[in-house]
Structures are given as structure tokens and as C-alpha cells.
Amino acid sequence: MDLENAKAQMRKGVLEMCVLAVIAEGETYPPEIMKKLKWTDLIVKEGTLYPLLIRLKNDGLVDYIWREGVNGPPRKYFTASEQGRQFLAELTDSWKQLVDSVNKTLEGASTSDDAEKGGKRKGKTPPKPLHLEPNSPDA
């Protein structure tokens, strides 16, 4: 398996959430989104970002408004819709649960053995199972 391809696939999987999170911080336009993501080491190219922004707009998760540029043409500024903010909150909860599940898996079975013997998880309720299967077309 190609490591770089695997890393790229992981980044693509979270890009929508990250772009929506940047937009939810406040009104912004695509070059600012790219700059903020680059600062966090999530590098995104225009050819990836613009189609993603169109999908977010078509799904009702973001809105945009044209604003005159100070020294150039008008710019399209994006904001998160109320639906987008709610979607981001739910996606963030799922992300945190996924990261927790992955971390537990990477820690290995020894952690679960310790828990069964009264270790780290003693007295805590087990986490809700995370369902990774895609929804059926009827859902």
C-alpha cells in the first residue's frame, strides 16, 4: 500500500468538516480558507476547494455574498448557515468519537485487558458503538 496515498485519503475524508469549521468562524473567502488550512498543515488546492464549496452551498450548509474587492474584482464571501452550524456540531461530535475509537484501537488490546481487570475504565460506561457502514439508499 502507498503511504502517501493513504495519508491523502485520510485528509480528504475530513476536509469537508475542516472547511466548514473555518467558514463557521466568520465570513471568509476561498484564499483565506486555503491560508487557514495551510497554517494547520491541511493543504488544499483550488481545484479541490471550489467544488467542495459548491457542494456545501448546494447542501444548504453555507451561504455566500458578493463583496466588492478593495483593489480588485468582487469576491464571493462564505458564511455557515444555521443548518451548516448544526451539521458541523454533529459532525464534530462524531469526529471526536471516531478519534477516541481509533486511539483506543491503536493503543491495543492490552488497554481493554486492563479495563476488564479494573484498570483505566473501571466504573465508566462503555462508549456508544460507532457505526461506519454507509447508509442504505432507502435511509
C-alpha atoms as a PDB file:
ATOM      1  CA  MET A   1       0.000   0.000   0.000  1.00  0.00           C
ATOM      2  CA  ASP A   2       1.212   3.506  -0.826  1.00  0.00           C
ATOM      3  CA  LEU A   3       1.629   5.504   2.397  1.00  0.00           C
ATOM      4  CA  GLU A   4       1.250   8.902   0.728  1.00  0.00           C
ATOM      5  CA  ASN A   5      -1.999   7.789  -0.919  1.00  0.00           C
ATOM      6  CA  ALA A   6      -3.325   6.502   2.411  1.00  0.00           C
ATOM      7  CA  LYS A   7      -2.493   9.829   4.096  1.00  0.00           C
ATOM      8  CA  ALA A   8      -4.139  11.765   1.267  1.00  0.00           C
ATOM      9  CA  GLN A   9      -7.305   9.679   1.603  1.00  0.00           C
ATOM     10  CA  MET A  10      -7.470  10.406   5.342  1.00  0.00           C
ATOM     11  CA  ARG A  11      -7.117  14.150   4.710  1.00  0.00           C
ATOM     12  CA  LYS A  12      -9.824  14.081   2.039  1.00  0.00           C
ATOM     13  CA  GLY A  13     -12.125  12.348   4.494  1.00  0.00           C
ATOM     14  CA  VAL A  14     -12.017  15.241   6.940  1.00  0.00           C
ATOM     15  CA  LEU A  15     -11.633  18.141   4.532  1.00  0.00           C
ATOM     16  CA  GLU A  16     -15.353  18.963   4.363  1.00  0.00           C
ATOM     17  CA  MET A  17     -15.540  19.236   8.145  1.00  0.00           C
ATOM     18  CA  CYS A  18     -12.408  21.388   8.302  1.00  0.00           C
ATOM     19  CA  VAL A  19     -13.570  23.755   5.559  1.00  0.00           C
ATOM     20  CA  LEU A  20     -16.957  24.103   7.243  1.00  0.00           C
ATOM     21  CA  ALA A  21     -15.222  24.788  10.579  1.00  0.00           C
ATOM     22  CA  VAL A  22     -13.149  27.589   9.018  1.00  0.00           C
ATOM     23  CA  ILE A  23     -16.253  29.124   7.441  1.00  0.00           C
ATOM     24  CA  ALA A  24     -18.173  28.849  10.717  1.00  0.00           C
ATOM     25  CA  GLU A  25     -15.530  31.078  12.387  1.00  0.00           C
ATOM     26  CA  GLY A  26     -16.809  34.020  10.345  1.00  0.00           C
ATOM     27  CA  GLU A  27     -17.341  35.368   6.870  1.00  0.00           C
ATOM     28  CA  THR A  28     -14.425  34.353   4.658  1.00  0.00           C
ATOM     29  CA  TYR A  29     -13.442  33.870   1.046  1.00  0.00           C
ATOM     30  CA  PRO A  30     -11.592  30.953  -0.588  1.00  0.00           C
ATOM     31  CA  PRO A  31      -7.993  32.279  -0.455  1.00  0.00           C
ATOM     32  CA  GLU A  32      -8.432  32.907   3.293  1.00  0.00           C
ATOM     33  CA  ILE A  33      -9.821  29.378   3.744  1.00  0.00           C
ATOM     34  CA  MET A  34      -6.794  27.935   1.932  1.00  0.00           C
ATOM     35  CA  LYS A  35      -4.420  30.048   4.039  1.00  0.00           C
ATOM     36  CA  LYS A  36      -6.007  28.920   7.326  1.00  0.00           C
ATOM     37  CA  LEU A  37      -5.919  25.275   6.276  1.00  0.00           C
ATOM     38  CA  LYS A  38      -2.301  25.560   5.140  1.00  0.00           C
ATOM     39  CA  TRP A  39      -1.425  27.021   8.555  1.00  0.00           C
ATOM     40  CA  THR A  40      -2.799  23.816  10.135  1.00  0.00           C
ATOM     41  CA  ASP A  41      -0.859  21.640   7.647  1.00  0.00           C
ATOM     42  CA  LEU A  42      -4.030  20.714   5.749  1.00  0.00           C
ATOM     43  CA  ILE A  43      -3.013  21.855   2.313  1.00  0.00           C
ATOM     44  CA  VAL A  44      -5.879  22.191  -0.131  1.00  0.00           C
ATOM     45  CA  LYS A  45      -5.741  23.272  -3.744  1.00  0.00           C
ATOM     46  CA  GLU A  46      -8.230  25.489  -5.548  1.00  0.00           C
ATOM     47  CA  GLY A  47      -9.279  22.544  -7.720  1.00  0.00           C
ATOM     48  CA  THR A  48     -10.381  20.731  -4.568  1.00  0.00           C
ATOM     49  CA  LEU A  49     -11.758  23.659  -2.582  1.00  0.00           C
ATOM     50  CA  TYR A  50     -14.100  25.237  -5.124  1.00  0.00           C
ATOM     51  CA  PRO A  51     -16.079  22.060  -5.923  1.00  0.00           C
ATOM     52  CA  LEU A  52     -16.321  21.396  -2.177  1.00  0.00           C
ATOM     53  CA  LEU A  53     -17.686  24.911  -1.581  1.00  0.00           C
ATOM     54  CA  ILE A  54     -20.277  24.370  -4.326  1.00  0.00           C
ATOM     55  CA  ARG A  55     -21.365  21.082  -2.685  1.00  0.00           C
ATOM     56  CA  LEU A  56     -21.635  22.781   0.724  1.00  0.00           C
ATOM     57  CA  LYS A  57     -23.715  25.566  -0.851  1.00  0.00           C
ATOM     58  CA  ASN A  58     -25.967  23.117  -2.711  1.00  0.00           C
ATOM     59  CA  ASP A  59     -26.494  21.169   0.522  1.00  0.00           C
ATOM     60  CA  GLY A  60     -27.583  24.352   2.311  1.00  0.00           C
ATOM     61  CA  LEU A  61     -24.635  24.285   4.718  1.00  0.00           C
ATOM     62  CA  VAL A  62     -23.078  27.564   3.587  1.00  0.00           C
ATOM     63  CA  ASP A  63     -24.299  30.794   2.030  1.00  0.00           C
ATOM     64  CA  TYR A  64     -22.327  33.385   0.151  1.00  0.00           C
ATOM     65  CA  ILE A  65     -22.462  37.035  -0.740  1.00  0.00           C
ATOM     66  CA  TRP A  66     -20.535  39.019  -3.332  1.00  0.00           C
ATOM     67  CA  ARG A  67     -18.493  41.897  -1.914  1.00  0.00           C
ATOM     68  CA  GLU A  68     -16.511  44.496  -3.804  1.00  0.00           C
ATOM     69  CA  GLY A  69     -12.765  43.960  -3.613  1.00  0.00           C
ATOM     70  CA  VAL A  70     -10.619  46.826  -2.295  1.00  0.00           C
ATOM     71  CA  ASN A  71      -8.075  46.602  -5.103  1.00  0.00           C
ATOM     72  CA  GLY A  72      -9.658  44.107  -7.439  1.00  0.00           C
ATOM     73  CA  PRO A  73     -12.773  42.341  -8.604  1.00  0.00           C
ATOM     74  CA  PRO A  74     -15.683  41.377  -6.338  1.00  0.00           C
ATOM     75  CA  ARG A  75     -15.146  38.371  -4.092  1.00  0.00           C
ATOM     76  CA  LYS A  76     -17.518  35.641  -3.003  1.00  0.00           C
ATOM     77  CA  TYR A  77     -17.565  35.534   0.821  1.00  0.00           C
ATOM     78  CA  PHE A  78     -18.913  32.425   2.526  1.00  0.00           C
ATOM     79  CA  THR A  79     -20.745  32.081   5.835  1.00  0.00           C
ATOM     80  CA  ALA A  80     -22.093  28.993   7.571  1.00  0.00           C
ATOM     81  CA  SER A  81     -25.865  28.682   7.530  1.00  0.00           C
ATOM     82  CA  GLU A  82     -27.733  27.656  10.668  1.00  0.00           C
ATOM     83  CA  GLN A  83     -28.096  24.194   9.134  1.00  0.00           C
ATOM     84  CA  GLY A  84     -24.333  24.210   8.471  1.00  0.00           C
ATOM     85  CA  ARG A  85     -23.554  25.098  12.071  1.00  0.00           C
ATOM     86  CA  GLN A  86     -25.787  22.309  13.338  1.00  0.00           C
ATOM     87  CA  PHE A  87     -24.258  19.857  10.853  1.00  0.00           C
ATOM     88  CA  LEU A  88     -20.753  20.900  11.957  1.00  0.00           C
ATOM     89  CA  ALA A  89     -21.633  20.383  15.625  1.00  0.00           C
ATOM     90  CA  GLU A  90     -22.951  16.881  14.931  1.00  0.00           C
ATOM     91  CA  LEU A  91     -20.012  16.077  12.669  1.00  0.00           C
ATOM     92  CA  THR A  92     -17.588  17.309  15.343  1.00  0.00           C
ATOM     93  CA  ASP A  93     -19.187  15.013  17.933  1.00  0.00           C
ATOM     94  CA  SER A  94     -18.878  12.071  15.531  1.00  0.00           C
ATOM     95  CA  TRP A  95     -15.277  13.035  14.759  1.00  0.00           C
ATOM     96  CA  LYS A  96     -14.346  13.103  18.449  1.00  0.00           C
ATOM     97  CA  GLN A  97     -15.951   9.701  18.944  1.00  0.00           C
ATOM     98  CA  LEU A  98     -14.120   8.326  15.900  1.00  0.00           C
ATOM     99  CA  VAL A  99     -10.758   9.697  17.071  1.00  0.00           C
ATOM    100  CA  ASP A 100     -11.353   8.195  20.509  1.00  0.00           C
ATOM    101  CA  SER A 101     -12.227   4.818  18.982  1.00  0.00           C
ATOM    102  CA  VAL A 102      -9.193   4.873  16.693  1.00  0.00           C
ATOM    103  CA  ASN A 103      -6.892   5.864  19.550  1.00  0.00           C
ATOM    104  CA  LYS A 104      -8.219   3.020  21.667  1.00  0.00           C
ATOM    105  CA  THR A 105      -7.695   0.621  18.788  1.00  0.00           C
ATOM    106  CA  LEU A 106      -4.145   1.860  18.229  1.00  0.00           C
ATOM    107  CA  GLU A 107      -3.374   1.508  21.942  1.00  0.00           C
ATOM    108  CA  GLY A 108      -4.041  -2.183  21.524  1.00  0.00           C
ATOM    109  CA  ALA A 109      -5.822  -4.931  23.343  1.00  0.00           C
ATOM    110  CA  SER A 110      -3.715  -4.527  26.485  1.00  0.00           C
ATOM    111  CA  THR A 111      -5.738  -1.455  27.422  1.00  0.00           C
ATOM    112  CA  SER A 112      -9.013  -3.366  27.186  1.00  0.00           C
ATOM    113  CA  ASP A 113      -7.480  -6.223  29.205  1.00  0.00           C
ATOM    114  CA  ASP A 114      -6.517  -3.710  31.909  1.00  0.00           C
ATOM    115  CA  ALA A 115     -10.042  -2.297  31.889  1.00  0.00           C
ATOM    116  CA  GLU A 116     -11.579  -5.722  32.353  1.00  0.00           C
ATOM    117  CA  LYS A 117      -9.280  -6.276  35.321  1.00  0.00           C
ATOM    118  CA  GLY A 118     -10.364  -2.994  36.898  1.00  0.00           C
ATOM    119  CA  GLY A 119      -7.910  -0.683  35.174  1.00  0.00           C
ATOM    120  CA  LYS A 120      -8.458   2.629  33.421  1.00  0.00           C
ATOM    121  CA  ARG A 121     -12.153   2.276  32.544  1.00  0.00           C
ATOM    122  CA  LYS A 122     -13.313   0.961  35.908  1.00  0.00           C
ATOM    123  CA  GLY A 123     -16.623   2.498  36.854  1.00  0.00           C
ATOM    124  CA  LYS A 124     -17.119   4.122  33.457  1.00  0.00           C
ATOM    125  CA  THR A 125     -19.801   3.216  30.998  1.00  0.00           C
ATOM    126  CA  PRO A 126     -18.538   1.907  27.674  1.00  0.00           C
ATOM    127  CA  PRO A 127     -18.690   4.293  24.720  1.00  0.00           C
ATOM    128  CA  LYS A 128     -21.535   4.083  22.237  1.00  0.00           C
ATOM    129  CA  PRO A 129     -20.607   1.896  19.268  1.00  0.00           C
ATOM    130  CA  LEU A 130     -19.552   3.816  16.197  1.00  0.00           C
ATOM    131  CA  HIS A 131     -21.283   2.658  13.018  1.00  0.00           C
ATOM    132  CA  LEU A 132     -19.062   3.147   9.981  1.00  0.00           C
ATOM    133  CA  GLU A 133     -21.179   1.358   7.406  1.00  0.00           C
ATOM    134  CA  PRO A 134     -22.714   3.635   4.762  1.00  0.00           C
ATOM    135  CA  ASN A 135     -26.429   4.256   4.967  1.00  0.00           C
ATOM    136  CA  SER A 136     -28.610   2.211   2.689  1.00  0.00           C
ATOM    137  CA  PRO A 137     -30.137   4.070  -0.288  1.00  0.00           C
ATOM    138  CA  ASP A 138     -33.524   3.896   1.465  1.00  0.00           C
ATOM    139  CA  ALA A 139     -32.243   5.713   4.582  1.00  0.00           C
END
